[in-house]
């Protein structure tokens, strides 16, 4: 369990660059759709 968590953290750090941007973009899109902007 500990090793799995460590691997997961390293993976997130390695892919944080574009993955975080994509997630934020998707979240913003969904939020806008719910509010009714789109």
PDB file of N, CA and C in Angstrom:
ATOM      1  N   UNK A   1       0.838  -1.190   0.000  1.00  0.00           N
ATOM      2  CA  UNK A   1       0.000   0.000   0.000  1.00  0.00           C
ATOM      3  C   UNK A   1       0.879   1.249   0.000  1.00  0.00           C
ATOM      4  N   UNK A   2       1.913   1.244   0.842  1.00  0.00           N
ATOM      5  CA  UNK A   2       2.817   2.399   0.890  1.00  0.00           C
ATOM      6  C   UNK A   2       3.529   2.594  -0.434  1.00  0.00           C
ATOM      7  N   UNK A   3       4.020   1.485  -1.026  1.00  0.00           N
ATOM      8  CA  UNK A   3       4.733   1.597  -2.298  1.00  0.00           C
ATOM      9  C   UNK A   3       3.797   2.124  -3.378  1.00  0.00           C
ATOM     10  N   UNK A   4       2.564   1.635  -3.379  1.00  0.00           N
ATOM     11  CA  UNK A   4       1.601   2.078  -4.386  1.00  0.00           C
ATOM     12  C   UNK A   4       1.363   3.578  -4.279  1.00  0.00           C
ATOM     13  N   UNK A   5       1.238   4.069  -3.054  1.00  0.00           N
ATOM     14  CA  UNK A   5       1.004   5.504  -2.861  1.00  0.00           C
ATOM     15  C   UNK A   5       2.192   6.308  -3.367  1.00  0.00           C
ATOM     16  N   UNK A   6       3.412   5.821  -3.088  1.00  0.00           N
ATOM     17  CA  UNK A   6       4.612   6.532  -3.538  1.00  0.00           C
ATOM     18  C   UNK A   6       4.660   6.583  -5.063  1.00  0.00           C
ATOM     19  N   UNK A   7       4.354   5.452  -5.715  1.00  0.00           N
ATOM     20  CA  UNK A   7       4.361   5.422  -7.176  1.00  0.00           C
ATOM     21  C   UNK A   7       3.325   6.391  -7.726  1.00  0.00           C
ATOM     22  N   UNK A   8       2.176   6.431  -7.097  1.00  0.00           N
ATOM     23  CA  UNK A   8       1.108   7.316  -7.549  1.00  0.00           C
ATOM     24  C   UNK A   8       1.550   8.771  -7.441  1.00  0.00           C
ATOM     25  N   UNK A   9       2.198   9.119  -6.336  1.00  0.00           N
ATOM     26  CA  UNK A   9       2.653  10.499  -6.144  1.00  0.00           C
ATOM     27  C   UNK A   9       3.677  10.863  -7.214  1.00  0.00           C
ATOM     28  N   UNK A  10       4.634   9.971  -7.473  1.00  0.00           N
ATOM     29  CA  UNK A  10       5.654  10.252  -8.486  1.00  0.00           C
ATOM     30  C   UNK A  10       4.998  10.433  -9.850  1.00  0.00           C
ATOM     31  N   UNK A  11       4.016   9.596 -10.140  1.00  0.00           N
ATOM     32  CA  UNK A  11       3.334   9.673 -11.433  1.00  0.00           C
ATOM     33  C   UNK A  11       2.648  11.027 -11.583  1.00  0.00           C
ATOM     34  N   UNK A  12       1.972  11.464 -10.531  1.00  0.00           N
ATOM     35  CA  UNK A  12       1.272  12.751 -10.586  1.00  0.00           C
ATOM     36  C   UNK A  12       2.267  13.889 -10.780  1.00  0.00           C
ATOM     37  N   UNK A  13       3.421  13.805 -10.108  1.00  0.00           N
ATOM     38  CA  UNK A  13       4.430  14.864 -10.232  1.00  0.00           C
ATOM     39  C   UNK A  13       4.970  14.893 -11.664  1.00  0.00           C
ATOM     40  N   UNK A  14       5.207  13.718 -12.237  1.00  0.00           N
ATOM     41  CA  UNK A  14       5.771  13.656 -13.586  1.00  0.00           C
ATOM     42  C   UNK A  14       4.798  14.201 -14.630  1.00  0.00           C
ATOM     43  N   UNK A  15       3.511  13.973 -14.436  1.00  0.00           N
ATOM     44  CA  UNK A  15       2.527  14.371 -15.443  1.00  0.00           C
ATOM     45  C   UNK A  15       1.774  15.631 -15.037  1.00  0.00           C
ATOM     46  N   UNK A  16       2.203  16.255 -13.941  1.00  0.00           N
ATOM     47  CA  UNK A  16       1.453  17.399 -13.419  1.00  0.00           C
ATOM     48  C   UNK A  16       1.420  18.549 -14.423  1.00  0.00           C
ATOM     49  N   UNK A  17       2.458  18.685 -15.241  1.00  0.00           N
ATOM     50  CA  UNK A  17       2.558  19.817 -16.160  1.00  0.00           C
ATOM     51  C   UNK A  17       1.308  20.027 -16.995  1.00  0.00           C
ATOM     52  N   UNK A  18       1.020  19.104 -17.907  1.00  0.00           N
ATOM     53  CA  UNK A  18      -0.113  19.293 -18.823  1.00  0.00           C
ATOM     54  C   UNK A  18      -1.399  18.719 -18.248  1.00  0.00           C
ATOM     55  N   UNK A  19      -1.283  17.684 -17.407  1.00  0.00           N
ATOM     56  CA  UNK A  19      -2.488  17.033 -16.885  1.00  0.00           C
ATOM     57  C   UNK A  19      -3.289  17.990 -16.008  1.00  0.00           C
ATOM     58  N   UNK A  20      -2.594  18.765 -15.179  1.00  0.00           N
ATOM     59  CA  UNK A  20      -3.284  19.731 -14.312  1.00  0.00           C
ATOM     60  C   UNK A  20      -4.010  20.758 -15.171  1.00  0.00           C
ATOM     61  N   UNK A  21      -3.344  21.232 -16.229  1.00  0.00           N
ATOM     62  CA  UNK A  21      -3.963  22.225 -17.113  1.00  0.00           C
ATOM     63  C   UNK A  21      -5.216  21.641 -17.759  1.00  0.00           C
ATOM     64  N   UNK A  22      -5.114  20.405 -18.231  1.00  0.00           N
ATOM     65  CA  UNK A  22      -6.263  19.759 -18.871  1.00  0.00           C
ATOM     66  C   UNK A  22      -7.408  19.615 -17.878  1.00  0.00           C
ATOM     67  N   UNK A  23      -7.086  19.175 -16.659  1.00  0.00           N
ATOM     68  CA  UNK A  23      -8.138  18.985 -15.653  1.00  0.00           C
ATOM     69  C   UNK A  23      -8.807  20.303 -15.313  1.00  0.00           C
ATOM     70  N   UNK A  24      -8.005  21.362 -15.175  1.00  0.00           N
ATOM     71  CA  UNK A  24      -8.576  22.674 -14.854  1.00  0.00           C
ATOM     72  C   UNK A  24      -9.475  23.139 -15.991  1.00  0.00           C
ATOM     73  N   UNK A  25      -9.034  22.916 -17.235  1.00  0.00           N
ATOM     74  CA  UNK A  25      -9.827  23.331 -18.390  1.00  0.00           C
ATOM     75  C   UNK A  25     -11.157  22.582 -18.411  1.00  0.00           C
ATOM     76  N   UNK A  26     -11.107  21.278 -18.196  1.00  0.00           N
ATOM     77  CA  UNK A  26     -12.329  20.472 -18.197  1.00  0.00           C
ATOM     78  C   UNK A  26     -13.249  20.915 -17.066  1.00  0.00           C
ATOM     79  N   UNK A  27     -12.672  21.139 -15.889  1.00  0.00           N
ATOM     80  CA  UNK A  27     -13.482  21.574 -14.744  1.00  0.00           C
ATOM     81  C   UNK A  27     -14.154  22.906 -15.045  1.00  0.00           C
ATOM     82  N   UNK A  28     -13.410  23.831 -15.642  1.00  0.00           N
ATOM     83  CA  UNK A  28     -13.962  25.148 -15.970  1.00  0.00           C
ATOM     84  C   UNK A  28     -15.087  24.994 -16.992  1.00  0.00           C
ATOM     85  N   UNK A  29     -14.884  24.123 -17.976  1.00  0.00           N
ATOM     86  CA  UNK A  29     -15.906  23.899 -18.994  1.00  0.00           C
ATOM     87  C   UNK A  29     -17.191  23.366 -18.373  1.00  0.00           C
ATOM     88  N   UNK A  30     -17.057  22.349 -17.511  1.00  0.00           N
ATOM     89  CA  UNK A  30     -18.231  21.748 -16.877  1.00  0.00           C
ATOM     90  C   UNK A  30     -18.925  22.758 -15.974  1.00  0.00           C
ATOM     91  N   UNK A  31     -18.149  23.541 -15.241  1.00  0.00           N
ATOM     92  CA  UNK A  31     -18.734  24.549 -14.354  1.00  0.00           C
ATOM     93  C   UNK A  31     -19.505  25.576 -15.174  1.00  0.00           C
ATOM     94  N   UNK A  32     -18.921  26.015 -16.284  1.00  0.00           N
ATOM     95  CA  UNK A  32     -19.583  27.001 -17.141  1.00  0.00           C
ATOM     96  C   UNK A  32     -20.881  26.414 -17.703  1.00  0.00           C
ATOM     97  N   UNK A  33     -20.845  25.155 -18.092  1.00  0.00           N
ATOM     98  CA  UNK A  33     -22.033  24.518 -18.647  1.00  0.00           C
ATOM     99  C   UNK A  33     -23.137  24.444 -17.593  1.00  0.00           C
ATOM    100  N   UNK A  34     -22.762  24.124 -16.348  1.00  0.00           N
ATOM    101  CA  UNK A  34     -23.761  24.028 -15.276  1.00  0.00           C
ATOM    102  C   UNK A  34     -24.375  25.391 -14.996  1.00  0.00           C
ATOM    103  N   UNK A  35     -23.540  26.429 -14.985  1.00  0.00           N
ATOM    104  CA  UNK A  35     -24.034  27.781 -14.701  1.00  0.00           C
ATOM    105  C   UNK A  35     -24.918  28.262 -15.853  1.00  0.00           C
ATOM    106  N   UNK A  36     -24.599  27.819 -17.069  1.00  0.00           N
ATOM    107  CA  UNK A  36     -25.406  28.194 -18.225  1.00  0.00           C
ATOM    108  C   UNK A  36     -24.717  29.199 -19.121  1.00  0.00           C
ATOM    109  N   UNK A  37     -23.389  29.324 -18.989  1.00  0.00           N
ATOM    110  CA  UNK A  37     -22.663  30.277 -19.838  1.00  0.00           C
ATOM    111  C   UNK A  37     -22.590  29.738 -21.265  1.00  0.00           C
ATOM    112  N   UNK A  38     -22.405  28.419 -21.388  1.00  0.00           N
ATOM    113  CA  UNK A  38     -22.258  27.844 -22.732  1.00  0.00           C
ATOM    114  C   UNK A  38     -23.617  27.370 -23.249  1.00  0.00           C
TER     115      UNK A  38
END
